[in-house]
Amino acid sequence: MSNIESPITVLRMKQLVQKIGISRSYVYEKMNPESPHYDDTFPVPFKLGKSAVGWFESEVDQWLLQRRA
């Protein structure tokens, strides 16, 4: 039995909105604690560079599956 791990995939904003089907502005609403649309379970982005952020696709997938339940 081989122990093959799936590659780590990082989603940028454009890929994220395509994957989950919401707008860029709604992503920011979900991350803003002051917004009525805030979701504390929404995946947290991490810094890739000085002004670039990304999300782990695996965390986004888990969040989507939780939404379905």
N, C-alpha and C. Protein backbone atom coordinates (compact mmCIF):
# COMPACT_ATOMS: atom_id res chain seq x y z
N MET A 1 0.84 -1.18 0.00
CA MET A 1 0.00 0.00 0.00
C MET A 1 0.88 1.25 0.00
N SER A 2 0.72 2.12 -0.96
CA SER A 2 1.54 3.32 -1.00
C SER A 2 0.86 4.45 -0.24
N ASN A 3 1.67 5.30 0.31
CA ASN A 3 1.18 6.43 1.09
C ASN A 3 1.38 7.70 0.26
N ILE A 4 0.50 7.90 -0.71
CA ILE A 4 0.59 9.06 -1.61
C ILE A 4 -0.28 10.17 -1.05
N GLU A 5 0.37 11.29 -0.77
CA GLU A 5 -0.37 12.46 -0.29
C GLU A 5 -0.77 13.32 -1.48
N SER A 6 -1.93 13.95 -1.36
CA SER A 6 -2.33 14.85 -2.43
C SER A 6 -1.51 16.13 -2.33
N PRO A 7 -1.25 16.75 -3.45
CA PRO A 7 -0.46 17.98 -3.43
C PRO A 7 -1.21 19.10 -2.71
N ILE A 8 -0.45 19.96 -2.09
CA ILE A 8 -1.04 21.12 -1.44
C ILE A 8 -1.36 22.15 -2.51
N THR A 9 -2.62 22.57 -2.55
CA THR A 9 -3.04 23.55 -3.55
C THR A 9 -3.48 24.82 -2.84
N VAL A 10 -2.96 25.93 -3.31
CA VAL A 10 -3.32 27.24 -2.76
C VAL A 10 -4.19 27.95 -3.78
N LEU A 11 -5.32 28.45 -3.31
CA LEU A 11 -6.24 29.20 -4.17
C LEU A 11 -6.02 30.69 -3.97
N ARG A 12 -5.95 31.40 -5.05
CA ARG A 12 -5.94 32.86 -5.00
C ARG A 12 -7.40 33.32 -5.07
N MET A 13 -7.65 34.59 -4.89
CA MET A 13 -9.02 35.11 -4.80
C MET A 13 -9.86 34.71 -6.02
N LYS A 14 -9.31 34.86 -7.21
CA LYS A 14 -10.08 34.55 -8.42
C LYS A 14 -10.51 33.08 -8.43
N GLN A 15 -9.60 32.20 -8.06
CA GLN A 15 -9.92 30.77 -8.01
C GLN A 15 -10.92 30.47 -6.90
N LEU A 16 -10.78 31.16 -5.77
CA LEU A 16 -11.68 30.96 -4.64
C LEU A 16 -13.12 31.30 -5.01
N VAL A 17 -13.32 32.46 -5.62
CA VAL A 17 -14.69 32.87 -5.96
C VAL A 17 -15.29 31.95 -7.02
N GLN A 18 -14.47 31.44 -7.94
CA GLN A 18 -14.96 30.49 -8.92
C GLN A 18 -15.38 29.18 -8.25
N LYS A 19 -14.58 28.74 -7.30
CA LYS A 19 -14.83 27.45 -6.65
C LYS A 19 -16.09 27.49 -5.79
N ILE A 20 -16.26 28.56 -5.00
CA ILE A 20 -17.39 28.57 -4.06
C ILE A 20 -18.61 29.30 -4.58
N GLY A 21 -18.46 30.02 -5.69
CA GLY A 21 -19.62 30.62 -6.34
C GLY A 21 -20.19 31.85 -5.66
N ILE A 22 -19.33 32.60 -4.96
CA ILE A 22 -19.77 33.87 -4.39
C ILE A 22 -18.84 34.97 -4.90
N SER A 23 -19.28 36.21 -4.77
CA SER A 23 -18.49 37.32 -5.29
C SER A 23 -17.31 37.64 -4.36
N ARG A 24 -16.36 38.36 -4.93
CA ARG A 24 -15.19 38.80 -4.17
C ARG A 24 -15.61 39.65 -2.97
N SER A 25 -16.55 40.54 -3.18
CA SER A 25 -16.98 41.40 -2.06
C SER A 25 -17.66 40.59 -0.96
N TYR A 26 -18.37 39.52 -1.35
CA TYR A 26 -19.03 38.68 -0.35
C TYR A 26 -18.00 37.87 0.44
N VAL A 27 -16.88 37.51 -0.19
CA VAL A 27 -15.78 36.85 0.54
C VAL A 27 -15.31 37.78 1.65
N TYR A 28 -15.09 39.05 1.31
CA TYR A 28 -14.65 40.01 2.32
C TYR A 28 -15.70 40.20 3.41
N GLU A 29 -16.97 40.17 3.05
CA GLU A 29 -18.05 40.25 4.04
C GLU A 29 -17.98 39.07 5.01
N LYS A 30 -17.73 37.89 4.50
CA LYS A 30 -17.65 36.69 5.33
C LYS A 30 -16.46 36.74 6.29
N MET A 31 -15.41 37.47 5.93
CA MET A 31 -14.21 37.55 6.77
C MET A 31 -14.24 38.73 7.74
N ASN A 32 -15.19 39.65 7.58
CA ASN A 32 -15.24 40.87 8.39
C ASN A 32 -16.14 40.67 9.62
N PRO A 33 -15.55 40.66 10.82
CA PRO A 33 -16.35 40.45 12.04
C PRO A 33 -17.44 41.50 12.26
N GLU A 34 -17.32 42.65 11.61
CA GLU A 34 -18.32 43.70 11.78
C GLU A 34 -19.47 43.58 10.79
N SER A 35 -19.37 42.65 9.86
CA SER A 35 -20.40 42.46 8.84
C SER A 35 -21.50 41.53 9.35
N PRO A 36 -22.74 41.78 8.93
CA PRO A 36 -23.82 40.85 9.29
C PRO A 36 -23.66 39.49 8.60
N HIS A 37 -22.80 39.41 7.59
CA HIS A 37 -22.58 38.16 6.86
C HIS A 37 -21.34 37.42 7.34
N TYR A 38 -20.74 37.91 8.43
CA TYR A 38 -19.52 37.31 8.98
C TYR A 38 -19.74 35.83 9.28
N ASP A 39 -18.74 35.02 8.94
CA ASP A 39 -18.79 33.58 9.19
C ASP A 39 -17.46 33.18 9.81
N ASP A 40 -17.48 32.89 11.11
CA ASP A 40 -16.23 32.56 11.79
C ASP A 40 -15.68 31.20 11.39
N THR A 41 -16.45 30.43 10.63
CA THR A 41 -15.96 29.14 10.14
C THR A 41 -15.33 29.26 8.75
N PHE A 42 -15.43 30.44 8.15
CA PHE A 42 -14.88 30.64 6.81
C PHE A 42 -13.36 30.50 6.86
N PRO A 43 -12.77 29.81 5.88
CA PRO A 43 -11.31 29.61 5.88
C PRO A 43 -10.55 30.94 5.92
N VAL A 44 -9.49 30.94 6.72
CA VAL A 44 -8.69 32.15 6.90
C VAL A 44 -7.57 32.16 5.86
N PRO A 45 -7.43 33.28 5.15
CA PRO A 45 -6.34 33.37 4.18
C PRO A 45 -5.00 33.52 4.89
N PHE A 46 -3.93 33.23 4.18
CA PHE A 46 -2.59 33.43 4.73
C PHE A 46 -1.75 34.19 3.72
N LYS A 47 -0.73 34.87 4.22
CA LYS A 47 0.12 35.70 3.37
C LYS A 47 1.03 34.84 2.51
N LEU A 48 1.08 35.18 1.23
CA LEU A 48 2.00 34.55 0.28
C LEU A 48 3.17 35.48 -0.03
N GLY A 49 2.95 36.73 0.18
CA GLY A 49 3.96 37.75 -0.11
C GLY A 49 3.53 39.05 0.52
N LYS A 50 4.14 40.12 0.11
CA LYS A 50 3.85 41.43 0.69
C LYS A 50 2.37 41.81 0.56
N SER A 51 1.79 41.57 -0.60
CA SER A 51 0.39 41.95 -0.79
C SER A 51 -0.45 40.81 -1.37
N ALA A 52 0.06 39.60 -1.29
CA ALA A 52 -0.67 38.46 -1.85
C ALA A 52 -1.12 37.52 -0.74
N VAL A 53 -2.35 37.04 -0.85
CA VAL A 53 -2.87 36.06 0.11
C VAL A 53 -3.44 34.88 -0.66
N GLY A 54 -3.60 33.78 0.05
CA GLY A 54 -4.18 32.59 -0.55
C GLY A 54 -4.89 31.76 0.50
N TRP A 55 -5.66 30.80 0.03
CA TRP A 55 -6.40 29.89 0.90
C TRP A 55 -5.99 28.47 0.53
N PHE A 56 -5.85 27.60 1.53
CA PHE A 56 -5.60 26.20 1.23
C PHE A 56 -6.88 25.61 0.67
N GLU A 57 -6.77 24.96 -0.48
CA GLU A 57 -7.95 24.38 -1.11
C GLU A 57 -8.60 23.33 -0.20
N SER A 58 -7.81 22.59 0.54
CA SER A 58 -8.35 21.56 1.43
C SER A 58 -9.24 22.19 2.51
N GLU A 59 -8.86 23.36 3.03
CA GLU A 59 -9.68 24.04 4.04
C GLU A 59 -10.98 24.56 3.42
N VAL A 60 -10.89 25.04 2.19
CA VAL A 60 -12.08 25.51 1.48
C VAL A 60 -13.03 24.34 1.24
N ASP A 61 -12.47 23.21 0.82
CA ASP A 61 -13.29 22.02 0.59
C ASP A 61 -14.00 21.57 1.87
N GLN A 62 -13.27 21.58 2.99
CA GLN A 62 -13.89 21.20 4.27
C GLN A 62 -15.01 22.15 4.64
N TRP A 63 -14.80 23.45 4.42
CA TRP A 63 -15.83 24.44 4.73
C TRP A 63 -17.08 24.20 3.87
N LEU A 64 -16.87 23.92 2.59
CA LEU A 64 -18.01 23.65 1.70
C LEU A 64 -18.78 22.42 2.16
N LEU A 65 -18.07 21.37 2.55
CA LEU A 65 -18.74 20.16 3.02
C LEU A 65 -19.52 20.41 4.32
N GLN A 66 -19.00 21.24 5.19
CA GLN A 66 -19.70 21.60 6.43
C GLN A 66 -20.98 22.38 6.14
N ARG A 67 -20.92 23.21 5.11
CA ARG A 67 -22.10 24.00 4.72
C ARG A 67 -23.23 23.08 4.25
N ARG A 68 -22.85 21.99 3.63
CA ARG A 68 -23.84 21.05 3.09
C ARG A 68 -24.54 20.27 4.20
N ALA A 69 -23.82 20.02 5.28
CA ALA A 69 -24.35 19.20 6.38
C ALA A 69 -25.44 19.90 7.17
